């Protein structure tokens, strides 16, 4: 059995897992959480050896899946393109990881049968967020199967702020129902505290992405702003040197040329460099999220 203090270095440095996946494995190791993911042949082989050492089981799909990478999201994918034979050299296995074999078998079956509600409950997703997922499903299919636009834009609790998942960091692995979903806040804080018990330094890496502002766009990237603030009810100033983008494109370059936004609504704003207009942005496929400064870390 791998000692707990060595688990995060093992997962990150040996397996090269992204931080959000490491967080899920830590949850499965410490709690009854089921982790659902997709792994290629090489990663499945490497992970299987380590997971066996720490007492986690893996249930593997009987087919492989080809994933469709979203436009502008740095390789992030939330949609299955096709299925293929398990003997294919390409593609990913859908895996369910956890400590309880009976629960894993049930979750795998629900996934195969398309029981989103039942699977959501098995994954520990709050009922309100499952319901929002179901309600928004038809719209999400038309926008790269992404559900983030279903969340109201504007001010958001940093513990609900899931834009960091596009940068490989996230304290939950689902789309919250609302900007202040209390169950998501509880889960995020609990997961942060859980990670802190293993490594305070690793846990703090997540806070950079939780306590940040974002210009989210469905097709032109997600853009994280670390040091912005409102100077009045409509004017938001930021340092363009510290913008992090999931992909570089026209929107990212305009934001980097600017230093303030004139915000009419979360989906309707203008980018300025001092008082010079760079561009007007008005689209149902764009949202501005600013984390609530009144919420701090205990």
C-alpha atoms as a PDB file:
ATOM      1  CA  UNK A   1       0.000   0.000   0.000  1.00  0.00           C
ATOM      2  CA  UNK A   2       1.352   3.429  -0.967  1.00  0.00           C
ATOM      3  CA  UNK A   3       1.693   5.731   2.015  1.00  0.00           C
ATOM      4  CA  UNK A   4      -0.729   8.660   1.857  1.00  0.00           C
ATOM      5  CA  UNK A   5       2.011  11.303   1.814  1.00  0.00           C
ATOM      6  CA  UNK A   6       3.410   9.767  -1.371  1.00  0.00           C
ATOM      7  CA  UNK A   7       0.100   9.419  -3.194  1.00  0.00           C
ATOM      8  CA  UNK A   8      -0.098  12.835  -4.865  1.00  0.00           C
ATOM      9  CA  UNK A   9       3.525  12.719  -6.161  1.00  0.00           C
ATOM     10  CA  UNK A  10       2.827   9.195  -7.437  1.00  0.00           C
ATOM     11  CA  UNK A  11      -0.284  10.294  -9.316  1.00  0.00           C
ATOM     12  CA  UNK A  12       1.213  13.513 -10.684  1.00  0.00           C
ATOM     13  CA  UNK A  13       4.851  12.712 -11.353  1.00  0.00           C
ATOM     14  CA  UNK A  14       4.694   9.048 -12.283  1.00  0.00           C
ATOM     15  CA  UNK A  15       1.290   8.817 -13.955  1.00  0.00           C
ATOM     16  CA  UNK A  16       1.214  12.468 -15.132  1.00  0.00           C
ATOM     17  CA  UNK A  17      -2.465  12.810 -14.284  1.00  0.00           C
ATOM     18  CA  UNK A  18      -4.012  16.255 -14.544  1.00  0.00           C
ATOM     19  CA  UNK A  19      -4.805  17.926 -11.186  1.00  0.00           C
ATOM     20  CA  UNK A  20      -8.590  17.536 -11.391  1.00  0.00           C
ATOM     21  CA  UNK A  21      -8.233  13.793 -12.044  1.00  0.00           C
ATOM     22  CA  UNK A  22      -5.787  13.515  -9.137  1.00  0.00           C
ATOM     23  CA  UNK A  23      -8.405  15.195  -6.953  1.00  0.00           C
ATOM     24  CA  UNK A  24     -11.022  12.642  -8.001  1.00  0.00           C
ATOM     25  CA  UNK A  25      -8.708   9.715  -7.288  1.00  0.00           C
ATOM     26  CA  UNK A  26      -7.944  11.158  -3.854  1.00  0.00           C
ATOM     27  CA  UNK A  27     -11.699  11.312  -3.235  1.00  0.00           C
ATOM     28  CA  UNK A  28     -12.163   7.697  -4.357  1.00  0.00           C
ATOM     29  CA  UNK A  29      -9.253   6.665  -2.148  1.00  0.00           C
ATOM     30  CA  UNK A  30     -10.563   8.456   0.952  1.00  0.00           C
ATOM     31  CA  UNK A  31     -14.337   8.231   0.455  1.00  0.00           C
ATOM     32  CA  UNK A  32     -16.875   6.128  -1.415  1.00  0.00           C
ATOM     33  CA  UNK A  33     -16.850   8.440  -4.426  1.00  0.00           C
ATOM     34  CA  UNK A  34     -16.931   6.846  -7.868  1.00  0.00           C
ATOM     35  CA  UNK A  35     -14.669   8.440 -10.452  1.00  0.00           C
ATOM     36  CA  UNK A  36     -15.817   8.298 -14.076  1.00  0.00           C
ATOM     37  CA  UNK A  37     -13.274   9.041 -16.784  1.00  0.00           C
ATOM     38  CA  UNK A  38     -11.819   8.009 -20.139  1.00  0.00           C
ATOM     39  CA  UNK A  39      -8.358   6.426 -20.490  1.00  0.00           C
ATOM     40  CA  UNK A  40      -6.332   5.248 -23.471  1.00  0.00           C
ATOM     41  CA  UNK A  41      -4.413   1.961 -23.464  1.00  0.00           C
ATOM     42  CA  UNK A  42      -1.179   3.374 -22.084  1.00  0.00           C
ATOM     43  CA  UNK A  43      -2.794   5.370 -19.272  1.00  0.00           C
ATOM     44  CA  UNK A  44      -5.111   2.512 -18.356  1.00  0.00           C
ATOM     45  CA  UNK A  45      -2.161   0.133 -17.964  1.00  0.00           C
ATOM     46  CA  UNK A  46      -0.165   2.602 -15.872  1.00  0.00           C
ATOM     47  CA  UNK A  47      -3.121   3.613 -13.690  1.00  0.00           C
ATOM     48  CA  UNK A  48      -4.238   0.016 -13.118  1.00  0.00           C
ATOM     49  CA  UNK A  49      -0.960  -0.859 -11.431  1.00  0.00           C
ATOM     50  CA  UNK A  50      -1.057   2.115  -9.066  1.00  0.00           C
ATOM     51  CA  UNK A  51      -4.778   1.869  -8.330  1.00  0.00           C
ATOM     52  CA  UNK A  52      -4.341  -1.782  -7.420  1.00  0.00           C
ATOM     53  CA  UNK A  53      -1.657  -0.757  -4.925  1.00  0.00           C
ATOM     54  CA  UNK A  54      -4.006   1.670  -3.192  1.00  0.00           C
ATOM     55  CA  UNK A  55      -7.021  -0.620  -3.180  1.00  0.00           C
ATOM     56  CA  UNK A  56      -9.077   0.972  -5.961  1.00  0.00           C
ATOM     57  CA  UNK A  57     -10.943  -1.098  -8.546  1.00  0.00           C
ATOM     58  CA  UNK A  58     -11.486  -0.201 -12.196  1.00  0.00           C
ATOM     59  CA  UNK A  59     -14.486  -1.285 -14.251  1.00  0.00           C
ATOM     60  CA  UNK A  60     -13.736  -0.928 -17.973  1.00  0.00           C
ATOM     61  CA  UNK A  61     -16.128  -0.478 -20.885  1.00  0.00           C
ATOM     62  CA  UNK A  62     -16.418  -3.268 -23.462  1.00  0.00           C
ATOM     63  CA  UNK A  63     -15.898  -0.793 -26.305  1.00  0.00           C
ATOM     64  CA  UNK A  64     -13.669   2.195 -26.920  1.00  0.00           C
ATOM     65  CA  UNK A  65     -14.773   5.752 -27.583  1.00  0.00           C
ATOM     66  CA  UNK A  66     -13.477   8.474 -29.858  1.00  0.00           C
ATOM     67  CA  UNK A  67     -13.751  11.910 -28.259  1.00  0.00           C
ATOM     68  CA  UNK A  68     -14.502  15.119 -30.132  1.00  0.00           C
ATOM     69  CA  UNK A  69     -12.303  17.983 -28.917  1.00  0.00           C
ATOM     70  CA  UNK A  70     -14.203  21.220 -28.353  1.00  0.00           C
ATOM     71  CA  UNK A  71     -13.258  24.254 -30.409  1.00  0.00           C
ATOM     72  CA  UNK A  72     -11.239  26.840 -28.514  1.00  0.00           C
ATOM     73  CA  UNK A  73     -10.946  24.869 -25.271  1.00  0.00           C
ATOM     74  CA  UNK A  74      -7.366  23.666 -25.342  1.00  0.00           C
ATOM     75  CA  UNK A  75      -8.173  20.032 -26.083  1.00  0.00           C
ATOM     76  CA  UNK A  76     -11.000  19.774 -23.542  1.00  0.00           C
ATOM     77  CA  UNK A  77     -13.718  17.381 -24.641  1.00  0.00           C
ATOM     78  CA  UNK A  78     -17.187  16.737 -23.293  1.00  0.00           C
ATOM     79  CA  UNK A  79     -18.643  14.794 -26.213  1.00  0.00           C
ATOM     80  CA  UNK A  80     -18.308  11.243 -27.538  1.00  0.00           C
ATOM     81  CA  UNK A  81     -17.865  11.125 -31.311  1.00  0.00           C
ATOM     82  CA  UNK A  82     -18.041   7.386 -32.073  1.00  0.00           C
ATOM     83  CA  UNK A  83     -17.539   3.963 -30.529  1.00  0.00           C
ATOM     84  CA  UNK A  84     -15.088   1.378 -31.774  1.00  0.00           C
ATOM     85  CA  UNK A  85     -13.847  -2.113 -30.935  1.00  0.00           C
ATOM     86  CA  UNK A  86     -11.873  -2.713 -27.757  1.00  0.00           C
ATOM     87  CA  UNK A  87      -9.186  -4.199 -30.030  1.00  0.00           C
ATOM     88  CA  UNK A  88      -8.661  -0.888 -31.799  1.00  0.00           C
ATOM     89  CA  UNK A  89      -5.325   0.833 -31.176  1.00  0.00           C
ATOM     90  CA  UNK A  90      -7.107   4.170 -31.058  1.00  0.00           C
ATOM     91  CA  UNK A  91      -9.708   5.568 -28.705  1.00  0.00           C
ATOM     92  CA  UNK A  92     -10.433   5.601 -24.988  1.00  0.00           C
ATOM     93  CA  UNK A  93     -12.006   3.193 -22.539  1.00  0.00           C
ATOM     94  CA  UNK A  94     -14.739   4.596 -20.311  1.00  0.00           C
ATOM     95  CA  UNK A  95     -13.761   3.671 -16.780  1.00  0.00           C
ATOM     96  CA  UNK A  96     -15.427   3.740 -13.381  1.00  0.00           C
ATOM     97  CA  UNK A  97     -13.026   3.805 -10.446  1.00  0.00           C
ATOM     98  CA  UNK A  98     -13.717   3.248  -6.759  1.00  0.00           C
ATOM     99  CA  UNK A  99     -13.389   0.965  -3.767  1.00  0.00           C
ATOM    100  CA  UNK A 100     -16.809  -0.742  -3.813  1.00  0.00           C
ATOM    101  CA  UNK A 101     -17.203  -3.257  -6.630  1.00  0.00           C
ATOM    102  CA  UNK A 102     -20.987  -3.474  -6.307  1.00  0.00           C
ATOM    103  CA  UNK A 103     -21.362   0.299  -6.648  1.00  0.00           C
ATOM    104  CA  UNK A 104     -19.002   0.319  -9.622  1.00  0.00           C
ATOM    105  CA  UNK A 105     -21.014  -2.392 -11.371  1.00  0.00           C
ATOM    106  CA  UNK A 106     -24.244  -0.423 -10.859  1.00  0.00           C
ATOM    107  CA  UNK A 107     -22.667   2.833 -12.092  1.00  0.00           C
ATOM    108  CA  UNK A 108     -21.221   1.115 -15.167  1.00  0.00           C
ATOM    109  CA  UNK A 109     -24.602  -0.396 -16.007  1.00  0.00           C
ATOM    110  CA  UNK A 110     -26.387   2.935 -15.578  1.00  0.00           C
ATOM    111  CA  UNK A 111     -23.818   4.598 -17.837  1.00  0.00           C
ATOM    112  CA  UNK A 112     -24.307   1.962 -20.516  1.00  0.00           C
ATOM    113  CA  UNK A 113     -28.088   2.301 -20.313  1.00  0.00           C
ATOM    114  CA  UNK A 114     -27.985   6.103 -20.481  1.00  0.00           C
ATOM    115  CA  UNK A 115     -29.528   6.539 -17.030  1.00  0.00           C
ATOM    116  CA  UNK A 116     -28.175  10.038 -16.408  1.00  0.00           C
ATOM    117  CA  UNK A 117     -30.208  10.608 -13.257  1.00  0.00           C
ATOM    118  CA  UNK A 118     -29.197   7.351 -11.617  1.00  0.00           C
ATOM    119  CA  UNK A 119     -25.571   7.753 -12.663  1.00  0.00           C
ATOM    120  CA  UNK A 120     -25.503  11.328 -11.382  1.00  0.00           C
ATOM    121  CA  UNK A 121     -26.645  10.140  -7.969  1.00  0.00           C
ATOM    122  CA  UNK A 122     -23.994   7.389  -7.969  1.00  0.00           C
ATOM    123  CA  UNK A 123     -21.345  10.012  -8.774  1.00  0.00           C
ATOM    124  CA  UNK A 124     -22.461  12.162  -5.854  1.00  0.00           C
ATOM    125  CA  UNK A 125     -23.851  15.022  -7.937  1.00  0.00           C
ATOM    126  CA  UNK A 126     -26.484  17.098  -6.064  1.00  0.00           C
ATOM    127  CA  UNK A 127     -30.086  16.511  -7.132  1.00  0.00           C
ATOM    128  CA  UNK A 128     -30.540  20.173  -8.125  1.00  0.00           C
ATOM    129  CA  UNK A 129     -27.542  19.984 -10.449  1.00  0.00           C
ATOM    130  CA  UNK A 130     -28.734  16.693 -11.955  1.00  0.00           C
ATOM    131  CA  UNK A 131     -32.094  18.308 -12.689  1.00  0.00           C
ATOM    132  CA  UNK A 132     -30.413  21.326 -14.320  1.00  0.00           C
ATOM    133  CA  UNK A 133     -28.314  18.934 -16.412  1.00  0.00           C
ATOM    134  CA  UNK A 134     -31.458  17.168 -17.617  1.00  0.00           C
ATOM    135  CA  UNK A 135     -33.295  20.419 -18.324  1.00  0.00           C
ATOM    136  CA  UNK A 136     -30.393  21.874 -20.319  1.00  0.00           C
ATOM    137  CA  UNK A 137     -29.459  18.688 -22.183  1.00  0.00           C
ATOM    138  CA  UNK A 138     -31.209  19.529 -25.462  1.00  0.00           C
ATOM    139  CA  UNK A 139     -29.491  22.922 -25.640  1.00  0.00           C
ATOM    140  CA  UNK A 140     -26.103  21.497 -24.690  1.00  0.00           C
ATOM    141  CA  UNK A 141     -26.137  19.051 -27.601  1.00  0.00           C
ATOM    142  CA  UNK A 142     -26.108  22.021 -29.983  1.00  0.00           C
ATOM    143  CA  UNK A 143     -23.118  23.704 -28.280  1.00  0.00           C
ATOM    144  CA  UNK A 144     -20.407  21.047 -28.052  1.00  0.00           C
ATOM    145  CA  UNK A 145     -22.299  19.241 -25.267  1.00  0.00           C
ATOM    146  CA  UNK A 146     -21.135  21.895 -22.827  1.00  0.00           C
ATOM    147  CA  UNK A 147     -23.361  23.003 -19.967  1.00  0.00           C
ATOM    148  CA  UNK A 148     -21.535  26.031 -18.642  1.00  0.00           C
ATOM    149  CA  UNK A 149     -23.657  28.521 -20.577  1.00  0.00           C
ATOM    150  CA  UNK A 150     -26.599  27.170 -18.603  1.00  0.00           C
ATOM    151  CA  UNK A 151     -25.216  28.850 -15.475  1.00  0.00           C
ATOM    152  CA  UNK A 152     -26.286  32.457 -14.929  1.00  0.00           C
ATOM    153  CA  UNK A 153     -23.416  34.810 -15.727  1.00  0.00           C
ATOM    154  CA  UNK A 154     -22.149  37.666 -13.601  1.00  0.00           C
ATOM    155  CA  UNK A 155     -21.212  37.253  -9.959  1.00  0.00           C
ATOM    156  CA  UNK A 156     -20.527  33.690  -8.848  1.00  0.00           C
ATOM    157  CA  UNK A 157     -19.311  31.964  -5.703  1.00  0.00           C
ATOM    158  CA  UNK A 158     -15.648  30.982  -6.122  1.00  0.00           C
ATOM    159  CA  UNK A 159     -16.606  27.537  -4.819  1.00  0.00           C
ATOM    160  CA  UNK A 160     -19.066  27.144  -7.714  1.00  0.00           C
ATOM    161  CA  UNK A 161     -16.683  28.608 -10.283  1.00  0.00           C
ATOM    162  CA  UNK A 162     -15.984  25.615 -12.570  1.00  0.00           C
ATOM    163  CA  UNK A 163     -14.261  27.442 -15.443  1.00  0.00           C
ATOM    164  CA  UNK A 164     -10.959  26.206 -14.058  1.00  0.00           C
ATOM    165  CA  UNK A 165     -11.737  22.729 -15.399  1.00  0.00           C
ATOM    166  CA  UNK A 166     -10.685  23.960 -18.836  1.00  0.00           C
ATOM    167  CA  UNK A 167      -7.235  24.580 -17.350  1.00  0.00           C
ATOM    168  CA  UNK A 168      -7.101  21.112 -15.713  1.00  0.00           C
ATOM    169  CA  UNK A 169      -8.181  22.335 -12.272  1.00  0.00           C
ATOM    170  CA  UNK A 170     -11.576  21.868 -10.659  1.00  0.00           C
ATOM    171  CA  UNK A 171     -12.873  20.973  -7.219  1.00  0.00           C
ATOM    172  CA  UNK A 172     -15.985  19.262  -8.609  1.00  0.00           C
ATOM    173  CA  UNK A 173     -16.548  17.280 -11.800  1.00  0.00           C
ATOM    174  CA  UNK A 174     -20.002  18.390 -12.855  1.00  0.00           C
ATOM    175  CA  UNK A 175     -21.786  21.552 -13.962  1.00  0.00           C
ATOM    176  CA  UNK A 176     -23.491  23.364 -11.055  1.00  0.00           C
ATOM    177  CA  UNK A 177     -27.111  24.418 -11.324  1.00  0.00           C
ATOM    178  CA  UNK A 178     -26.623  28.031 -10.217  1.00  0.00           C
ATOM    179  CA  UNK A 179     -23.947  30.590  -9.270  1.00  0.00           C
ATOM    180  CA  UNK A 180     -24.451  29.984  -5.542  1.00  0.00           C
ATOM    181  CA  UNK A 181     -25.511  26.321  -5.382  1.00  0.00           C
ATOM    182  CA  UNK A 182     -25.027  25.573  -1.684  1.00  0.00           C
ATOM    183  CA  UNK A 183     -24.406  21.867  -2.263  1.00  0.00           C
ATOM    184  CA  UNK A 184     -21.652  22.594  -4.777  1.00  0.00           C
ATOM    185  CA  UNK A 185     -20.113  25.097  -2.360  1.00  0.00           C
ATOM    186  CA  UNK A 186     -20.077  22.427   0.330  1.00  0.00           C
ATOM    187  CA  UNK A 187     -18.557  19.815  -1.971  1.00  0.00           C
ATOM    188  CA  UNK A 188     -15.864  22.168  -3.249  1.00  0.00           C
ATOM    189  CA  UNK A 189     -14.838  23.277   0.218  1.00  0.00           C
ATOM    190  CA  UNK A 190     -14.836  19.691   1.472  1.00  0.00           C
ATOM    191  CA  UNK A 191     -12.687  18.600  -1.463  1.00  0.00           C
ATOM    192  CA  UNK A 192     -10.280  21.467  -0.877  1.00  0.00           C
ATOM    193  CA  UNK A 193      -9.948  20.461   2.770  1.00  0.00           C
ATOM    194  CA  UNK A 194      -9.471  16.824   1.759  1.00  0.00           C
ATOM    195  CA  UNK A 195      -6.645  17.748  -0.612  1.00  0.00           C
ATOM    196  CA  UNK A 196      -5.100  20.007   2.025  1.00  0.00           C
ATOM    197  CA  UNK A 197      -4.805  16.975   4.277  1.00  0.00           C
ATOM    198  CA  UNK A 198      -2.553  15.369   1.689  1.00  0.00           C
ATOM    199  CA  UNK A 199      -0.709  18.448   0.450  1.00  0.00           C
ATOM    200  CA  UNK A 200      -1.482  22.058   1.315  1.00  0.00           C
ATOM    201  CA  UNK A 201       0.649  23.202  -1.625  1.00  0.00           C
ATOM    202  CA  UNK A 202      -1.285  21.048  -4.107  1.00  0.00           C
ATOM    203  CA  UNK A 203      -4.644  22.175  -2.717  1.00  0.00           C
ATOM    204  CA  UNK A 204      -3.661  25.844  -3.030  1.00  0.00           C
ATOM    205  CA  UNK A 205      -3.022  25.374  -6.759  1.00  0.00           C
ATOM    206  CA  UNK A 206      -6.782  24.938  -7.193  1.00  0.00           C
ATOM    207  CA  UNK A 207      -7.555  28.251  -5.497  1.00  0.00           C
ATOM    208  CA  UNK A 208      -5.855  30.188  -8.291  1.00  0.00           C
ATOM    209  CA  UNK A 209      -8.535  28.905 -10.663  1.00  0.00           C
ATOM    210  CA  UNK A 210     -11.478  29.039  -8.237  1.00  0.00           C
ATOM    211  CA  UNK A 211     -10.818  32.612  -7.105  1.00  0.00           C
ATOM    212  CA  UNK A 212     -10.486  34.106 -10.590  1.00  0.00           C
ATOM    213  CA  UNK A 213     -12.681  35.890 -13.120  1.00  0.00           C
ATOM    214  CA  UNK A 214     -13.414  34.434 -16.542  1.00  0.00           C
ATOM    215  CA  UNK A 215     -14.575  35.474 -19.972  1.00  0.00           C
ATOM    216  CA  UNK A 216     -16.120  32.224 -21.173  1.00  0.00           C
ATOM    217  CA  UNK A 217     -16.891  31.702 -24.842  1.00  0.00           C
ATOM    218  CA  UNK A 218     -18.242  28.559 -26.427  1.00  0.00           C
ATOM    219  CA  UNK A 219     -16.084  28.697 -29.550  1.00  0.00           C
ATOM    220  CA  UNK A 220     -13.368  31.303 -28.888  1.00  0.00           C
ATOM    221  CA  UNK A 221     -11.711  30.066 -25.737  1.00  0.00           C
ATOM    222  CA  UNK A 222     -11.970  30.553 -22.000  1.00  0.00           C
ATOM    223  CA  UNK A 223      -9.928  33.444 -20.622  1.00  0.00           C
ATOM    224  CA  UNK A 224      -8.932  33.685 -16.966  1.00  0.00           C
ATOM    225  CA  UNK A 225      -8.280  37.091 -15.415  1.00  0.00           C
ATOM    226  CA  UNK A 226      -6.457  36.986 -12.089  1.00  0.00           C
ATOM    227  CA  UNK A 227      -6.300  40.625 -11.040  1.00  0.00           C
ATOM    228  CA  UNK A 228      -9.412  42.443 -12.162  1.00  0.00           C
ATOM    229  CA  UNK A 229     -11.946  44.506 -10.243  1.00  0.00           C
ATOM    230  CA  UNK A 230     -14.947  46.761 -10.724  1.00  0.00           C
ATOM    231  CA  UNK A 231     -14.213  50.468 -10.424  1.00  0.00           C
ATOM    232  CA  UNK A 232     -17.899  51.355 -10.755  1.00  0.00           C
ATOM    233  CA  UNK A 233     -21.140  49.520 -11.556  1.00  0.00           C
ATOM    234  CA  UNK A 234     -20.188  48.969 -15.207  1.00  0.00           C
ATOM    235  CA  UNK A 235     -16.426  49.370 -15.548  1.00  0.00           C
ATOM    236  CA  UNK A 236     -14.165  46.400 -14.866  1.00  0.00           C
ATOM    237  CA  UNK A 237     -10.392  46.972 -14.980  1.00  0.00           C
ATOM    238  CA  UNK A 238      -7.793  44.249 -15.339  1.00  0.00           C
ATOM    239  CA  UNK A 239      -4.113  43.614 -15.995  1.00  0.00           C
ATOM    240  CA  UNK A 240      -3.778  42.208 -19.484  1.00  0.00           C
ATOM    241  CA  UNK A 241      -0.335  40.742 -18.752  1.00  0.00           C
ATOM    242  CA  UNK A 242      -1.781  38.049 -16.487  1.00  0.00           C
ATOM    243  CA  UNK A 243      -4.545  36.661 -18.696  1.00  0.00           C
ATOM    244  CA  UNK A 244      -4.449  32.883 -19.167  1.00  0.00           C
ATOM    245  CA  UNK A 245      -6.353  31.467 -22.145  1.00  0.00           C
ATOM    246  CA  UNK A 246      -7.388  27.946 -23.095  1.00  0.00           C
ATOM    247  CA  UNK A 247      -6.504  28.887 -26.676  1.00  0.00           C
ATOM    248  CA  UNK A 248      -5.087  31.921 -28.449  1.00  0.00           C
ATOM    249  CA  UNK A 249      -7.477  33.490 -30.920  1.00  0.00           C
ATOM    250  CA  UNK A 250      -9.075  36.812 -31.838  1.00  0.00           C
ATOM    251  CA  UNK A 251     -10.910  37.175 -28.525  1.00  0.00           C
ATOM    252  CA  UNK A 252      -7.797  36.410 -26.469  1.00  0.00           C
ATOM    253  CA  UNK A 253      -5.788  38.970 -28.441  1.00  0.00           C
ATOM    254  CA  UNK A 254      -8.435  41.655 -28.016  1.00  0.00           C
ATOM    255  CA  UNK A 255      -8.521  41.046 -24.265  1.00  0.00           C
ATOM    256  CA  UNK A 256      -4.728  41.280 -24.155  1.00  0.00           C
ATOM    257  CA  UNK A 257      -4.786  44.603 -25.986  1.00  0.00           C
ATOM    258  CA  UNK A 258      -7.395  45.995 -23.614  1.00  0.00           C
ATOM    259  CA  UNK A 259      -7.306  46.880 -19.939  1.00  0.00           C
ATOM    260  CA  UNK A 260     -10.966  47.423 -19.072  1.00  0.00           C
ATOM    261  CA  UNK A 261     -14.442  46.178 -19.905  1.00  0.00           C
ATOM    262  CA  UNK A 262     -17.631  48.212 -20.071  1.00  0.00           C
ATOM    263  CA  UNK A 263     -20.223  45.656 -18.996  1.00  0.00           C
ATOM    264  CA  UNK A 264     -23.886  46.006 -19.905  1.00  0.00           C
ATOM    265  CA  UNK A 265     -24.661  42.372 -19.063  1.00  0.00           C
ATOM    266  CA  UNK A 266     -22.572  39.179 -18.698  1.00  0.00           C
ATOM    267  CA  UNK A 267     -23.067  38.492 -22.431  1.00  0.00           C
ATOM    268  CA  UNK A 268     -22.888  42.072 -23.669  1.00  0.00           C
ATOM    269  CA  UNK A 269     -19.762  44.154 -23.026  1.00  0.00           C
ATOM    270  CA  UNK A 270     -17.098  46.247 -24.735  1.00  0.00           C
ATOM    271  CA  UNK A 271     -13.325  45.881 -24.549  1.00  0.00           C
ATOM    272  CA  UNK A 272     -11.360  49.106 -24.137  1.00  0.00           C
ATOM    273  CA  UNK A 273      -7.725  50.095 -23.921  1.00  0.00           C
ATOM    274  CA  UNK A 274      -8.031  53.033 -21.548  1.00  0.00           C
ATOM    275  CA  UNK A 275     -10.717  55.026 -23.432  1.00  0.00           C
ATOM    276  CA  UNK A 276     -10.106  53.553 -26.910  1.00  0.00           C
ATOM    277  CA  UNK A 277     -12.693  51.012 -28.035  1.00  0.00           C
ATOM    278  CA  UNK A 278     -11.228  47.727 -29.239  1.00  0.00           C
ATOM    279  CA  UNK A 279     -14.385  45.690 -29.790  1.00  0.00           C
ATOM    280  CA  UNK A 280     -17.997  45.229 -28.792  1.00  0.00           C
ATOM    281  CA  UNK A 281     -18.891  41.691 -27.660  1.00  0.00           C
ATOM    282  CA  UNK A 282     -22.537  40.689 -27.671  1.00  0.00           C
ATOM    283  CA  UNK A 283     -23.342  36.999 -27.981  1.00  0.00           C
ATOM    284  CA  UNK A 284     -25.430  34.318 -26.337  1.00  0.00           C
ATOM    285  CA  UNK A 285     -22.320  32.125 -26.588  1.00  0.00           C
ATOM    286  CA  UNK A 286     -20.228  34.359 -24.328  1.00  0.00           C
ATOM    287  CA  UNK A 287     -20.499  34.937 -20.574  1.00  0.00           C
ATOM    288  CA  UNK A 288     -18.491  36.913 -18.065  1.00  0.00           C
ATOM    289  CA  UNK A 289     -18.088  35.379 -14.597  1.00  0.00           C
ATOM    290  CA  UNK A 290     -16.643  37.372 -11.699  1.00  0.00           C
ATOM    291  CA  UNK A 291     -16.087  35.623  -8.392  1.00  0.00           C
ATOM    292  CA  UNK A 292     -17.770  37.035  -5.298  1.00  0.00           C
ATOM    293  CA  UNK A 293     -15.122  39.056  -3.401  1.00  0.00           C
ATOM    294  CA  UNK A 294     -17.181  38.739  -0.239  1.00  0.00           C
ATOM    295  CA  UNK A 295     -16.338  35.037   0.000  1.00  0.00           C
ATOM    296  CA  UNK A 296     -12.917  34.271   1.404  1.00  0.00           C
ATOM    297  CA  UNK A 297     -10.931  31.218   2.498  1.00  0.00           C
ATOM    298  CA  UNK A 298     -11.239  30.359   6.158  1.00  0.00           C
END
